[in-house]
């Protein structure tokens, strides 16, 4: 009987520590590092969009699930992928031409998953024989959340996490 309680106590300690390891960022404040973030109803890129926090907005981590963080901002909760968040404090200055941040220009360009104008110009100069017409056209394509949800529904695409709720 005594052995049973020891095993039970060890199991409880293990579960508590495992729970804490997965929630290391809970309560932490992060910054949105992309031009327009996507806060979703489920931890999936297929989840319904619940809010679009902007670059530099601060969010508080409520729950941590792998590459997804459940965050809270301005009274709204939802899931954001870690690729759109940073621990760095991004400060926007009113009237300033540039954004003041502790991240470098290269980090911001990478965080936005695109080139800065300077990097793009340099790339085009190094690759003069490449036609960027279709790349430029693709950058202008916009799909609304409603169109995306209709497409996913028509194709019966549902992720393991539950999808668009």
N, C-alpha and C. Protein backbone atom coordinates (compact mmCIF):
# COMPACT_ATOMS: atom_id res chain seq x y z
N UNK A 1 0.83 -1.19 0.00
CA UNK A 1 0.00 0.00 0.00
C UNK A 1 0.87 1.26 0.00
N UNK A 2 1.94 1.21 0.80
CA UNK A 2 2.84 2.36 0.89
C UNK A 2 3.52 2.59 -0.47
N UNK A 3 3.84 1.50 -1.15
CA UNK A 3 4.48 1.61 -2.46
C UNK A 3 3.52 2.29 -3.45
N UNK A 4 2.25 1.96 -3.36
CA UNK A 4 1.23 2.54 -4.23
C UNK A 4 1.20 4.06 -4.08
N UNK A 5 1.24 4.55 -2.84
CA UNK A 5 1.21 5.99 -2.60
C UNK A 5 2.48 6.67 -3.11
N UNK A 6 3.62 5.99 -2.98
CA UNK A 6 4.87 6.55 -3.50
C UNK A 6 4.80 6.69 -5.02
N UNK A 7 4.29 5.65 -5.68
CA UNK A 7 4.16 5.69 -7.14
C UNK A 7 3.16 6.77 -7.54
N UNK A 8 2.07 6.86 -6.82
CA UNK A 8 1.06 7.88 -7.10
C UNK A 8 1.63 9.29 -6.92
N UNK A 9 2.38 9.51 -5.85
CA UNK A 9 3.00 10.81 -5.60
C UNK A 9 4.01 11.15 -6.69
N UNK A 10 4.81 10.17 -7.11
CA UNK A 10 5.79 10.39 -8.17
C UNK A 10 5.09 10.73 -9.48
N UNK A 11 3.99 10.03 -9.77
CA UNK A 11 3.23 10.28 -11.00
C UNK A 11 2.64 11.69 -10.98
N UNK A 12 2.10 12.09 -9.84
CA UNK A 12 1.53 13.45 -9.72
C UNK A 12 2.61 14.51 -9.93
N UNK A 13 3.77 14.31 -9.32
CA UNK A 13 4.88 15.27 -9.50
C UNK A 13 5.29 15.35 -10.96
N UNK A 14 5.39 14.19 -11.62
CA UNK A 14 5.76 14.16 -13.03
C UNK A 14 4.74 14.92 -13.87
N UNK A 15 3.46 14.67 -13.64
CA UNK A 15 2.42 15.34 -14.41
C UNK A 15 2.42 16.85 -14.18
N UNK A 16 2.66 17.27 -12.96
CA UNK A 16 2.72 18.71 -12.68
C UNK A 16 3.90 19.35 -13.39
N UNK A 17 5.06 18.70 -13.36
CA UNK A 17 6.24 19.23 -14.04
C UNK A 17 6.05 19.22 -15.54
N UNK A 18 5.43 18.19 -16.09
CA UNK A 18 5.19 18.12 -17.53
C UNK A 18 4.24 19.23 -17.95
N UNK A 19 3.24 19.49 -17.13
CA UNK A 19 2.30 20.58 -17.43
C UNK A 19 2.97 21.92 -17.41
N UNK A 20 3.91 22.12 -16.49
CA UNK A 20 4.62 23.39 -16.42
C UNK A 20 5.57 23.56 -17.58
N UNK A 21 6.17 22.47 -18.06
CA UNK A 21 7.12 22.56 -19.18
C UNK A 21 6.40 23.02 -20.43
N UNK A 22 5.16 22.58 -20.64
CA UNK A 22 4.42 22.98 -21.83
C UNK A 22 3.87 24.38 -21.74
N UNK A 23 3.86 24.95 -20.56
CA UNK A 23 3.26 26.27 -20.40
C UNK A 23 4.28 27.29 -19.93
N UNK A 24 5.51 27.15 -20.40
CA UNK A 24 6.60 28.04 -19.96
C UNK A 24 6.33 29.50 -20.30
N UNK A 25 5.60 29.75 -21.38
CA UNK A 25 5.33 31.11 -21.81
C UNK A 25 4.00 31.67 -21.28
N UNK A 26 3.23 30.87 -20.55
CA UNK A 26 1.94 31.33 -20.04
C UNK A 26 2.13 32.59 -19.20
N UNK A 27 1.36 33.61 -19.51
CA UNK A 27 1.44 34.89 -18.80
C UNK A 27 2.45 35.85 -19.40
N UNK A 28 3.27 35.38 -20.31
CA UNK A 28 4.30 36.19 -20.95
C UNK A 28 3.66 37.12 -22.00
N UNK A 29 4.20 38.32 -22.13
CA UNK A 29 3.71 39.27 -23.14
C UNK A 29 4.63 39.22 -24.35
N UNK A 30 4.03 39.06 -25.53
CA UNK A 30 4.77 38.98 -26.79
C UNK A 30 4.30 40.08 -27.73
N UNK A 31 5.07 40.33 -28.79
CA UNK A 31 4.70 41.32 -29.81
C UNK A 31 4.39 40.62 -31.12
N UNK A 32 3.44 41.17 -31.86
CA UNK A 32 3.12 40.68 -33.20
C UNK A 32 4.21 41.20 -34.13
N UNK A 33 4.87 40.30 -34.88
CA UNK A 33 5.99 40.70 -35.71
C UNK A 33 5.69 40.61 -37.21
N UNK A 34 4.43 40.50 -37.55
CA UNK A 34 4.04 40.51 -38.96
C UNK A 34 3.08 41.67 -39.18
N UNK A 35 2.96 42.10 -40.43
CA UNK A 35 2.14 43.27 -40.75
C UNK A 35 0.71 43.10 -40.23
N UNK A 36 0.13 41.93 -40.49
CA UNK A 36 -1.23 41.67 -40.03
C UNK A 36 -1.28 40.24 -39.48
N UNK A 37 -1.41 40.11 -38.18
CA UNK A 37 -1.46 38.80 -37.56
C UNK A 37 -2.81 38.15 -37.77
N UNK A 38 -2.86 36.85 -37.50
CA UNK A 38 -4.12 36.11 -37.63
C UNK A 38 -4.35 35.32 -36.34
N UNK A 39 -5.35 35.78 -35.58
CA UNK A 39 -5.74 35.10 -34.35
C UNK A 39 -6.90 34.18 -34.73
N UNK A 40 -6.74 32.89 -34.46
CA UNK A 40 -7.72 31.91 -34.92
C UNK A 40 -8.45 31.22 -33.76
N UNK A 41 -9.59 30.62 -34.09
CA UNK A 41 -10.42 29.97 -33.07
C UNK A 41 -9.83 28.65 -32.58
N UNK A 42 -9.00 28.02 -33.39
CA UNK A 42 -8.35 26.76 -33.03
C UNK A 42 -6.87 26.84 -33.38
N UNK A 43 -6.02 26.00 -32.79
CA UNK A 43 -4.59 26.05 -33.11
C UNK A 43 -4.30 25.37 -34.45
N UNK A 44 -4.76 26.01 -35.52
CA UNK A 44 -4.60 25.48 -36.87
C UNK A 44 -4.72 26.62 -37.86
N UNK A 45 -3.96 26.55 -38.96
CA UNK A 45 -4.08 27.57 -40.00
C UNK A 45 -5.45 27.51 -40.67
N UNK A 46 -6.20 26.44 -40.43
CA UNK A 46 -7.53 26.30 -41.00
C UNK A 46 -8.62 26.79 -40.06
N UNK A 47 -8.26 27.17 -38.84
CA UNK A 47 -9.24 27.67 -37.87
C UNK A 47 -9.84 28.99 -38.32
N UNK A 48 -11.06 29.25 -37.91
CA UNK A 48 -11.74 30.50 -38.26
C UNK A 48 -10.99 31.69 -37.67
N UNK A 49 -10.91 32.75 -38.43
CA UNK A 49 -10.23 33.97 -38.01
C UNK A 49 -11.11 34.72 -37.01
N UNK A 50 -10.56 35.04 -35.83
CA UNK A 50 -11.34 35.77 -34.82
C UNK A 50 -10.86 37.21 -34.65
N UNK A 51 -9.61 37.49 -35.03
CA UNK A 51 -9.08 38.86 -34.93
C UNK A 51 -7.82 38.97 -35.78
N UNK A 52 -7.46 40.22 -36.11
CA UNK A 52 -6.26 40.49 -36.91
C UNK A 52 -5.41 41.53 -36.20
N UNK A 53 -4.63 41.10 -35.20
CA UNK A 53 -3.76 42.07 -34.52
C UNK A 53 -2.71 42.61 -35.49
N UNK A 54 -2.33 43.85 -35.31
CA UNK A 54 -1.39 44.52 -36.21
C UNK A 54 0.04 44.42 -35.71
N UNK A 55 0.96 44.73 -36.60
CA UNK A 55 2.38 44.73 -36.30
C UNK A 55 2.64 45.58 -35.05
N UNK A 56 3.36 45.02 -34.10
CA UNK A 56 3.70 45.75 -32.87
C UNK A 56 2.71 45.59 -31.75
N UNK A 57 1.49 45.09 -32.03
CA UNK A 57 0.51 44.87 -30.97
C UNK A 57 1.07 43.88 -29.95
N UNK A 58 0.72 44.10 -28.69
CA UNK A 58 1.17 43.22 -27.60
C UNK A 58 0.05 42.24 -27.27
N UNK A 59 0.42 40.98 -27.06
CA UNK A 59 -0.53 39.93 -26.70
C UNK A 59 0.01 39.18 -25.49
N UNK A 60 -0.89 38.63 -24.69
CA UNK A 60 -0.50 37.87 -23.49
C UNK A 60 -0.79 36.40 -23.75
N UNK A 61 0.19 35.53 -23.49
CA UNK A 61 0.04 34.10 -23.70
C UNK A 61 -0.84 33.51 -22.60
N UNK A 62 -1.90 32.82 -23.02
CA UNK A 62 -2.83 32.18 -22.10
C UNK A 62 -2.56 30.68 -22.02
N UNK A 63 -2.18 30.10 -23.16
CA UNK A 63 -1.92 28.66 -23.23
C UNK A 63 -0.88 28.42 -24.32
N UNK A 64 -0.13 27.35 -24.16
CA UNK A 64 0.95 27.01 -25.08
C UNK A 64 0.70 25.60 -25.61
N UNK A 65 0.65 25.45 -26.93
CA UNK A 65 0.45 24.13 -27.52
C UNK A 65 1.37 23.96 -28.73
N UNK A 66 2.59 23.53 -28.48
CA UNK A 66 3.55 23.34 -29.56
C UNK A 66 3.90 24.65 -30.24
N UNK A 67 3.68 24.70 -31.55
CA UNK A 67 4.00 25.90 -32.33
C UNK A 67 2.88 26.93 -32.27
N UNK A 68 1.86 26.69 -31.48
CA UNK A 68 0.73 27.61 -31.36
C UNK A 68 0.64 28.14 -29.93
N UNK A 69 0.23 29.39 -29.83
CA UNK A 69 0.01 30.01 -28.52
C UNK A 69 -1.40 30.60 -28.49
N UNK A 70 -2.14 30.27 -27.44
CA UNK A 70 -3.43 30.91 -27.25
C UNK A 70 -3.12 32.23 -26.57
N UNK A 71 -3.55 33.33 -27.19
CA UNK A 71 -3.21 34.65 -26.69
C UNK A 71 -4.46 35.47 -26.44
N UNK A 72 -4.28 36.52 -25.66
CA UNK A 72 -5.36 37.45 -25.35
C UNK A 72 -4.88 38.86 -25.65
N UNK A 73 -5.74 39.62 -26.33
CA UNK A 73 -5.44 41.01 -26.63
C UNK A 73 -6.75 41.76 -26.84
N UNK A 74 -6.87 42.89 -26.17
CA UNK A 74 -8.05 43.75 -26.31
C UNK A 74 -9.36 43.00 -26.11
N UNK A 75 -9.37 42.11 -25.12
CA UNK A 75 -10.58 41.38 -24.77
C UNK A 75 -10.92 40.21 -25.68
N UNK A 76 -10.05 39.89 -26.62
CA UNK A 76 -10.28 38.78 -27.55
C UNK A 76 -9.22 37.71 -27.31
N UNK A 77 -9.64 36.45 -27.31
CA UNK A 77 -8.69 35.35 -27.19
C UNK A 77 -8.71 34.52 -28.46
N UNK A 78 -7.55 34.01 -28.83
CA UNK A 78 -7.46 33.15 -30.00
C UNK A 78 -6.06 32.58 -30.11
N UNK A 79 -5.86 31.75 -31.11
CA UNK A 79 -4.59 31.06 -31.30
C UNK A 79 -3.77 31.74 -32.38
N UNK A 80 -2.47 31.93 -32.10
CA UNK A 80 -1.55 32.50 -33.08
C UNK A 80 -0.34 31.58 -33.21
N UNK A 81 0.15 31.46 -34.43
CA UNK A 81 1.35 30.65 -34.66
C UNK A 81 2.56 31.42 -34.17
N UNK A 82 3.53 30.70 -33.61
CA UNK A 82 4.71 31.35 -33.04
C UNK A 82 5.54 32.11 -34.07
N UNK A 83 5.41 31.78 -35.35
CA UNK A 83 6.18 32.48 -36.38
C UNK A 83 5.75 33.94 -36.52
N UNK A 84 4.57 34.28 -36.03
CA UNK A 84 4.10 35.66 -36.13
C UNK A 84 4.30 36.45 -34.83
N UNK A 85 4.97 35.82 -33.85
CA UNK A 85 5.17 36.46 -32.54
C UNK A 85 6.65 36.55 -32.20
N UNK A 86 7.00 37.54 -31.37
CA UNK A 86 8.37 37.69 -30.91
C UNK A 86 8.37 38.15 -29.45
N UNK A 87 9.45 37.82 -28.76
CA UNK A 87 9.60 38.28 -27.38
C UNK A 87 10.10 39.72 -27.35
N UNK A 88 10.57 40.22 -28.48
CA UNK A 88 11.10 41.59 -28.54
C UNK A 88 9.96 42.60 -28.46
N UNK A 89 10.21 43.70 -27.78
CA UNK A 89 9.22 44.75 -27.64
C UNK A 89 9.34 45.69 -28.84
N UNK A 90 8.32 45.71 -29.68
CA UNK A 90 8.31 46.56 -30.87
C UNK A 90 7.57 47.84 -30.52
N UNK A 91 8.23 48.98 -30.70
CA UNK A 91 7.65 50.27 -30.33
C UNK A 91 7.44 51.10 -31.59
N UNK A 92 6.21 51.51 -31.81
CA UNK A 92 5.90 52.37 -32.95
C UNK A 92 5.89 53.81 -32.46
N UNK A 93 6.61 54.68 -33.16
CA UNK A 93 6.65 56.09 -32.79
C UNK A 93 5.75 56.89 -33.73
N UNK A 94 4.82 57.63 -33.19
CA UNK A 94 3.93 58.44 -34.01
C UNK A 94 4.72 59.48 -34.79
N UNK A 95 4.47 59.55 -36.08
CA UNK A 95 5.12 60.56 -36.92
C UNK A 95 6.51 60.19 -37.38
N UNK A 96 7.06 59.11 -36.88
CA UNK A 96 8.41 58.72 -37.29
C UNK A 96 8.35 57.97 -38.61
N UNK A 97 9.37 58.16 -39.42
CA UNK A 97 9.41 57.49 -40.72
C UNK A 97 9.65 56.00 -40.56
N UNK A 98 10.41 55.62 -39.58
CA UNK A 98 10.74 54.21 -39.36
C UNK A 98 10.17 53.73 -38.03
N UNK A 99 10.11 52.42 -37.90
CA UNK A 99 9.67 51.80 -36.66
C UNK A 99 10.90 51.61 -35.77
N UNK A 100 10.75 51.94 -34.49
CA UNK A 100 11.83 51.71 -33.55
C UNK A 100 11.61 50.35 -32.91
N UNK A 101 12.62 49.52 -32.96
CA UNK A 101 12.49 48.18 -32.41
C UNK A 101 13.85 47.65 -32.02
N UNK A 102 13.83 46.63 -31.22
CA UNK A 102 15.10 46.00 -30.86
C UNK A 102 15.48 44.94 -31.89
N UNK A 103 14.63 44.72 -32.90
CA UNK A 103 14.94 43.78 -33.97
C UNK A 103 15.60 44.54 -35.13
N UNK A 104 16.44 43.83 -35.88
CA UNK A 104 17.10 44.46 -37.03
C UNK A 104 16.16 44.49 -38.23
N UNK A 105 16.52 45.28 -39.23
CA UNK A 105 15.73 45.34 -40.45
C UNK A 105 15.61 43.98 -41.12
N UNK A 106 16.69 43.21 -41.10
CA UNK A 106 16.67 41.87 -41.68
C UNK A 106 15.72 40.95 -40.94
N UNK A 107 15.70 41.06 -39.61
CA UNK A 107 14.79 40.23 -38.81
C UNK A 107 13.34 40.59 -39.10
N UNK A 108 13.08 41.88 -39.23
CA UNK A 108 11.70 42.31 -39.52
C UNK A 108 11.27 41.81 -40.88
N UNK A 109 12.15 41.91 -41.88
CA UNK A 109 11.83 41.42 -43.22
C UNK A 109 11.54 39.92 -43.18
N UNK A 110 12.37 39.16 -42.48
CA UNK A 110 12.15 37.73 -42.37
C UNK A 110 10.88 37.43 -41.60
N UNK A 111 10.64 38.19 -40.55
CA UNK A 111 9.44 37.97 -39.73
C UNK A 111 8.19 38.18 -40.55
N UNK A 112 8.21 39.15 -41.44
CA UNK A 112 7.06 39.41 -42.30
C UNK A 112 6.96 38.43 -43.44
N UNK A 113 7.88 37.46 -43.49
CA UNK A 113 7.91 36.44 -44.52
C UNK A 113 8.02 37.06 -45.91
N UNK A 114 8.75 38.14 -46.02
CA UNK A 114 8.95 38.77 -47.32
C UNK A 114 10.22 39.58 -47.32
N UNK A 115 10.50 40.18 -48.44
CA UNK A 115 11.68 41.03 -48.58
C UNK A 115 11.36 42.45 -48.19
N UNK A 116 12.35 43.15 -47.69
CA UNK A 116 12.23 44.59 -47.56
C UNK A 116 12.48 45.13 -48.97
N UNK A 117 12.11 46.38 -49.23
CA UNK A 117 12.32 46.96 -50.56
C UNK A 117 13.79 46.92 -50.95
N UNK A 118 14.65 47.18 -49.99
CA UNK A 118 16.09 47.20 -50.25
C UNK A 118 16.60 45.81 -50.64
N UNK A 119 16.18 44.78 -49.91
CA UNK A 119 16.60 43.41 -50.20
C UNK A 119 16.05 42.97 -51.55
N UNK A 120 14.81 43.32 -51.83
CA UNK A 120 14.20 42.95 -53.11
C UNK A 120 14.93 43.60 -54.28
N UNK A 121 15.27 44.87 -54.15
CA UNK A 121 16.01 45.58 -55.20
C UNK A 121 17.36 44.91 -55.44
N UNK A 122 18.05 44.59 -54.37
CA UNK A 122 19.35 43.93 -54.47
C UNK A 122 19.21 42.56 -55.15
N UNK A 123 18.17 41.82 -54.80
CA UNK A 123 17.95 40.50 -55.40
C UNK A 123 17.67 40.63 -56.90
N UNK A 124 16.85 41.60 -57.28
CA UNK A 124 16.55 41.81 -58.70
C UNK A 124 17.80 42.21 -59.47
N UNK A 125 18.66 43.03 -58.87
CA UNK A 125 19.90 43.43 -59.53
C UNK A 125 20.83 42.23 -59.75
N UNK A 126 20.83 41.30 -58.82
CA UNK A 126 21.69 40.12 -58.94
C UNK A 126 21.10 39.06 -59.87
N UNK A 127 19.82 39.19 -60.20
CA UNK A 127 19.13 38.21 -61.05
C UNK A 127 18.37 38.91 -62.17
N UNK A 128 19.07 39.68 -62.96
CA UNK A 128 18.45 40.49 -64.03
C UNK A 128 17.75 39.64 -65.08
N UNK A 129 18.15 38.39 -65.25
CA UNK A 129 17.53 37.53 -66.27
C UNK A 129 16.22 36.88 -65.80
N UNK A 130 15.83 37.10 -64.56
CA UNK A 130 14.61 36.50 -64.02
C UNK A 130 13.45 37.47 -64.17
N UNK A 131 12.30 36.94 -64.66
CA UNK A 131 11.09 37.75 -64.83
C UNK A 131 10.24 37.63 -63.55
N UNK A 132 10.06 38.74 -62.86
CA UNK A 132 9.33 38.76 -61.59
C UNK A 132 7.85 39.15 -61.75
N UNK A 133 7.36 39.19 -63.00
CA UNK A 133 5.98 39.62 -63.26
C UNK A 133 4.97 38.80 -62.46
N UNK A 134 5.09 37.47 -62.51
CA UNK A 134 4.12 36.62 -61.83
C UNK A 134 4.28 36.67 -60.31
N UNK A 135 5.48 36.86 -59.85
CA UNK A 135 5.70 37.03 -58.40
C UNK A 135 4.99 38.29 -57.94
N UNK A 136 5.15 39.38 -58.70
CA UNK A 136 4.49 40.64 -58.36
C UNK A 136 2.97 40.48 -58.38
N UNK A 137 2.44 39.74 -59.35
CA UNK A 137 0.98 39.50 -59.43
C UNK A 137 0.50 38.68 -58.23
N UNK A 138 1.26 37.63 -57.88
CA UNK A 138 0.85 36.79 -56.75
C UNK A 138 0.82 37.57 -55.45
N UNK A 139 1.72 38.52 -55.31
CA UNK A 139 1.75 39.33 -54.08
C UNK A 139 0.49 40.16 -53.93
N UNK A 140 -0.21 40.41 -55.04
CA UNK A 140 -1.43 41.22 -54.99
C UNK A 140 -2.69 40.38 -54.79
N UNK A 141 -2.59 39.04 -54.89
CA UNK A 141 -3.75 38.18 -54.69
C UNK A 141 -4.21 38.29 -53.24
N UNK A 142 -5.50 38.42 -53.05
CA UNK A 142 -6.07 38.47 -51.71
C UNK A 142 -7.24 37.49 -51.63
N UNK A 143 -7.25 36.70 -50.59
CA UNK A 143 -8.34 35.76 -50.35
C UNK A 143 -8.94 36.12 -49.01
N UNK A 144 -10.22 36.42 -49.00
CA UNK A 144 -10.88 36.80 -47.74
C UNK A 144 -11.05 35.56 -46.87
N UNK A 145 -11.18 35.76 -45.56
CA UNK A 145 -11.42 34.61 -44.67
C UNK A 145 -12.68 33.83 -45.07
N UNK A 146 -13.70 34.54 -45.55
CA UNK A 146 -14.93 33.88 -45.96
C UNK A 146 -14.69 32.99 -47.18
N UNK A 147 -13.91 33.49 -48.16
CA UNK A 147 -13.59 32.69 -49.34
C UNK A 147 -12.77 31.46 -48.95
N UNK A 148 -11.83 31.66 -48.03
CA UNK A 148 -11.00 30.54 -47.59
C UNK A 148 -11.85 29.47 -46.90
N UNK A 149 -12.76 29.90 -46.02
CA UNK A 149 -13.61 28.95 -45.30
C UNK A 149 -14.53 28.20 -46.27
N UNK A 150 -15.07 28.91 -47.28
CA UNK A 150 -15.93 28.26 -48.27
C UNK A 150 -15.14 27.22 -49.07
N UNK A 151 -13.92 27.56 -49.44
CA UNK A 151 -13.04 26.64 -50.18
C UNK A 151 -12.76 25.39 -49.34
N UNK A 152 -12.42 25.59 -48.08
CA UNK A 152 -12.11 24.46 -47.20
C UNK A 152 -13.34 23.58 -46.98
N UNK A 153 -14.51 24.21 -46.84
CA UNK A 153 -15.74 23.46 -46.63
C UNK A 153 -16.08 22.64 -47.87
N UNK A 154 -15.95 23.27 -49.04
CA UNK A 154 -16.25 22.58 -50.29
C UNK A 154 -15.32 21.38 -50.49
N UNK A 155 -14.07 21.53 -50.12
CA UNK A 155 -13.11 20.44 -50.25
C UNK A 155 -13.12 19.48 -49.07
N UNK A 156 -14.00 19.71 -48.12
CA UNK A 156 -14.14 18.89 -46.91
C UNK A 156 -12.81 18.75 -46.18
N UNK A 157 -12.08 19.86 -46.08
CA UNK A 157 -10.79 19.89 -45.39
C UNK A 157 -11.02 20.25 -43.93
N UNK A 158 -10.71 19.31 -43.04
CA UNK A 158 -10.87 19.54 -41.61
C UNK A 158 -9.61 19.02 -40.91
N UNK A 159 -8.89 19.90 -40.21
CA UNK A 159 -7.68 19.43 -39.52
C UNK A 159 -8.04 18.61 -38.29
N UNK A 160 -7.05 17.89 -37.77
CA UNK A 160 -7.25 17.07 -36.58
C UNK A 160 -7.72 17.89 -35.39
N UNK A 161 -7.33 19.18 -35.33
CA UNK A 161 -7.68 20.05 -34.20
C UNK A 161 -9.12 20.55 -34.28
N UNK A 162 -9.82 20.37 -35.39
CA UNK A 162 -11.21 20.79 -35.44
C UNK A 162 -11.50 21.83 -36.49
N UNK A 163 -10.53 22.56 -36.97
CA UNK A 163 -10.73 23.50 -38.07
C UNK A 163 -11.55 24.71 -37.72
N UNK A 164 -12.29 25.18 -38.72
CA UNK A 164 -13.02 26.45 -38.62
C UNK A 164 -14.23 26.32 -37.73
N UNK A 165 -14.08 26.79 -36.51
CA UNK A 165 -15.22 26.77 -35.57
C UNK A 165 -15.63 28.17 -35.27
